[in-house]
Amino acid sequence: MSSFDDELLHRISAARQALSAARDAGELDSERVYAGELDSLLRLAMDNGVTVPPEAPSLPRPLG
């Protein structure tokens, strides 16, 4: 795996985490930013033949 692949996968993981945190916090503007960033990174990976592991399923949020 190249350093490009490693860096791209790291950025995708960070964007996924940031998007999840924004959703959990109810920050709609941040959620839109991170969703756009993640979309761009996933497109870049696809265009360059980088295999991206699936996102781990998130646990349901506790009620209350």
N, C-alpha and C. Protein backbone atom coordinates (compact mmCIF):
# COMPACT_ATOMS: atom_id res chain seq x y z
N MET A 1 0.86 -1.17 0.00
CA MET A 1 0.00 0.00 0.00
C MET A 1 0.90 1.24 0.00
N SER A 2 0.55 2.19 -0.82
CA SER A 2 1.36 3.40 -0.94
C SER A 2 1.04 4.40 0.18
N SER A 3 1.89 5.38 0.31
CA SER A 3 1.64 6.41 1.32
C SER A 3 0.39 7.22 0.95
N PHE A 4 0.12 7.35 -0.35
CA PHE A 4 -1.12 8.01 -0.80
C PHE A 4 -2.32 7.25 -0.27
N ASP A 5 -2.32 5.93 -0.46
CA ASP A 5 -3.43 5.09 0.01
C ASP A 5 -3.59 5.22 1.53
N ASP A 6 -2.47 5.13 2.24
CA ASP A 6 -2.52 5.22 3.71
C ASP A 6 -3.11 6.55 4.17
N GLU A 7 -2.64 7.63 3.57
CA GLU A 7 -3.12 8.96 3.96
C GLU A 7 -4.60 9.13 3.63
N LEU A 8 -5.00 8.65 2.46
CA LEU A 8 -6.40 8.76 2.06
C LEU A 8 -7.29 7.96 3.01
N LEU A 9 -6.90 6.75 3.35
CA LEU A 9 -7.69 5.94 4.28
C LEU A 9 -7.76 6.57 5.66
N HIS A 10 -6.65 7.18 6.09
CA HIS A 10 -6.65 7.88 7.37
C HIS A 10 -7.62 9.06 7.35
N ARG A 11 -7.61 9.82 6.27
CA ARG A 11 -8.52 10.97 6.16
C ARG A 11 -9.98 10.53 6.07
N ILE A 12 -10.24 9.41 5.41
CA ILE A 12 -11.61 8.89 5.34
C ILE A 12 -12.08 8.47 6.72
N SER A 13 -11.22 7.80 7.46
CA SER A 13 -11.58 7.39 8.83
C SER A 13 -11.86 8.61 9.71
N ALA A 14 -11.02 9.63 9.60
CA ALA A 14 -11.21 10.84 10.40
C ALA A 14 -12.50 11.55 10.02
N ALA A 15 -12.81 11.60 8.73
CA ALA A 15 -14.05 12.24 8.28
C ALA A 15 -15.27 11.47 8.77
N ARG A 16 -15.19 10.14 8.76
CA ARG A 16 -16.30 9.33 9.27
C ARG A 16 -16.53 9.60 10.75
N GLN A 17 -15.44 9.68 11.51
CA GLN A 17 -15.56 9.94 12.94
C GLN A 17 -16.13 11.33 13.21
N ALA A 18 -15.66 12.31 12.45
CA ALA A 18 -16.15 13.68 12.63
C ALA A 18 -17.62 13.78 12.25
N LEU A 19 -18.02 13.10 11.19
CA LEU A 19 -19.42 13.10 10.77
C LEU A 19 -20.29 12.46 11.85
N SER A 20 -19.85 11.37 12.40
CA SER A 20 -20.60 10.70 13.46
C SER A 20 -20.74 11.59 14.69
N ALA A 21 -19.65 12.25 15.06
CA ALA A 21 -19.68 13.15 16.22
C ALA A 21 -20.62 14.33 15.98
N ALA A 22 -20.61 14.87 14.77
CA ALA A 22 -21.50 15.99 14.44
C ALA A 22 -22.95 15.55 14.50
N ARG A 23 -23.23 14.35 13.99
CA ARG A 23 -24.61 13.82 14.06
C ARG A 23 -25.05 13.64 15.50
N ASP A 24 -24.16 13.05 16.31
CA ASP A 24 -24.49 12.81 17.72
C ASP A 24 -24.75 14.11 18.47
N ALA A 25 -24.03 15.17 18.08
CA ALA A 25 -24.17 16.47 18.75
C ALA A 25 -25.31 17.29 18.16
N GLY A 26 -25.91 16.81 17.08
CA GLY A 26 -27.00 17.55 16.46
C GLY A 26 -26.54 18.81 15.73
N GLU A 27 -25.29 18.82 15.28
CA GLU A 27 -24.73 19.99 14.60
C GLU A 27 -24.93 19.83 13.09
N LEU A 28 -26.03 20.33 12.60
CA LEU A 28 -26.41 20.13 11.20
C LEU A 28 -25.40 20.73 10.23
N ASP A 29 -24.91 21.93 10.51
CA ASP A 29 -23.94 22.55 9.60
C ASP A 29 -22.65 21.73 9.53
N SER A 30 -22.16 21.30 10.67
CA SER A 30 -20.94 20.48 10.70
C SER A 30 -21.20 19.15 10.00
N GLU A 31 -22.36 18.59 10.21
CA GLU A 31 -22.71 17.32 9.57
C GLU A 31 -22.64 17.45 8.06
N ARG A 32 -23.16 18.54 7.53
CA ARG A 32 -23.12 18.77 6.07
C ARG A 32 -21.69 18.92 5.57
N VAL A 33 -20.87 19.62 6.31
CA VAL A 33 -19.46 19.81 5.91
C VAL A 33 -18.75 18.46 5.86
N TYR A 34 -18.88 17.67 6.93
CA TYR A 34 -18.17 16.40 6.98
C TYR A 34 -18.74 15.39 5.99
N ALA A 35 -20.03 15.44 5.73
CA ALA A 35 -20.61 14.55 4.72
C ALA A 35 -20.04 14.89 3.35
N GLY A 36 -19.89 16.17 3.06
CA GLY A 36 -19.31 16.59 1.78
C GLY A 36 -17.85 16.19 1.67
N GLU A 37 -17.11 16.35 2.76
CA GLU A 37 -15.70 15.97 2.77
C GLU A 37 -15.56 14.46 2.56
N LEU A 38 -16.39 13.69 3.26
CA LEU A 38 -16.34 12.24 3.12
C LEU A 38 -16.69 11.82 1.70
N ASP A 39 -17.69 12.43 1.11
CA ASP A 39 -18.07 12.12 -0.27
C ASP A 39 -16.91 12.38 -1.22
N SER A 40 -16.24 13.51 -1.05
CA SER A 40 -15.10 13.85 -1.91
C SER A 40 -13.96 12.85 -1.75
N LEU A 41 -13.68 12.47 -0.51
CA LEU A 41 -12.61 11.52 -0.26
C LEU A 41 -12.93 10.14 -0.81
N LEU A 42 -14.17 9.71 -0.68
CA LEU A 42 -14.56 8.41 -1.22
C LEU A 42 -14.50 8.41 -2.75
N ARG A 43 -14.86 9.51 -3.36
CA ARG A 43 -14.77 9.64 -4.82
C ARG A 43 -13.31 9.58 -5.25
N LEU A 44 -12.43 10.26 -4.52
CA LEU A 44 -11.00 10.24 -4.81
C LEU A 44 -10.45 8.82 -4.70
N ALA A 45 -10.87 8.11 -3.69
CA ALA A 45 -10.43 6.72 -3.52
C ALA A 45 -10.90 5.87 -4.70
N MET A 46 -12.14 6.01 -5.09
CA MET A 46 -12.68 5.24 -6.20
C MET A 46 -11.93 5.56 -7.49
N ASP A 47 -11.67 6.83 -7.74
CA ASP A 47 -10.98 7.25 -8.96
C ASP A 47 -9.55 6.72 -9.03
N ASN A 48 -8.96 6.43 -7.86
CA ASN A 48 -7.57 5.99 -7.82
C ASN A 48 -7.41 4.52 -7.45
N GLY A 49 -8.52 3.79 -7.44
CA GLY A 49 -8.46 2.35 -7.19
C GLY A 49 -8.08 1.96 -5.77
N VAL A 50 -8.37 2.84 -4.82
CA VAL A 50 -8.08 2.55 -3.41
C VAL A 50 -9.29 1.86 -2.81
N THR A 51 -9.08 0.67 -2.24
CA THR A 51 -10.16 -0.08 -1.62
C THR A 51 -10.39 0.46 -0.21
N VAL A 52 -11.62 0.89 0.03
CA VAL A 52 -11.98 1.47 1.33
C VAL A 52 -12.80 0.44 2.10
N PRO A 53 -12.36 0.12 3.32
CA PRO A 53 -13.15 -0.84 4.11
C PRO A 53 -14.50 -0.25 4.47
N PRO A 54 -15.50 -1.11 4.59
CA PRO A 54 -16.82 -0.59 4.95
C PRO A 54 -16.80 0.05 6.34
N GLU A 55 -17.69 0.98 6.50
CA GLU A 55 -17.82 1.65 7.79
C GLU A 55 -18.43 0.68 8.79
N ALA A 56 -17.88 0.68 9.98
CA ALA A 56 -18.43 -0.16 11.04
C ALA A 56 -19.82 0.32 11.40
N PRO A 57 -20.74 -0.60 11.63
CA PRO A 57 -22.08 -0.16 12.00
C PRO A 57 -22.07 0.60 13.31
N SER A 58 -22.85 1.65 13.35
CA SER A 58 -22.89 2.43 14.59
C SER A 58 -23.91 1.83 15.54
N LEU A 59 -23.63 1.99 16.81
CA LEU A 59 -24.54 1.48 17.84
C LEU A 59 -25.72 2.43 17.98
N PRO A 60 -26.89 1.90 18.30
CA PRO A 60 -28.05 2.79 18.50
C PRO A 60 -27.80 3.74 19.66
N ARG A 61 -28.33 4.92 19.52
CA ARG A 61 -28.20 5.92 20.58
C ARG A 61 -29.17 5.59 21.72
N PRO A 62 -28.70 5.75 22.95
CA PRO A 62 -29.61 5.50 24.08
C PRO A 62 -30.72 6.54 24.14
N LEU A 63 -31.88 6.10 24.51
CA LEU A 63 -33.00 7.03 24.65
C LEU A 63 -32.92 7.74 25.99
N GLY A 64 -33.33 9.00 25.97
CA GLY A 64 -33.40 9.74 27.23
C GLY A 64 -32.25 10.53 27.49
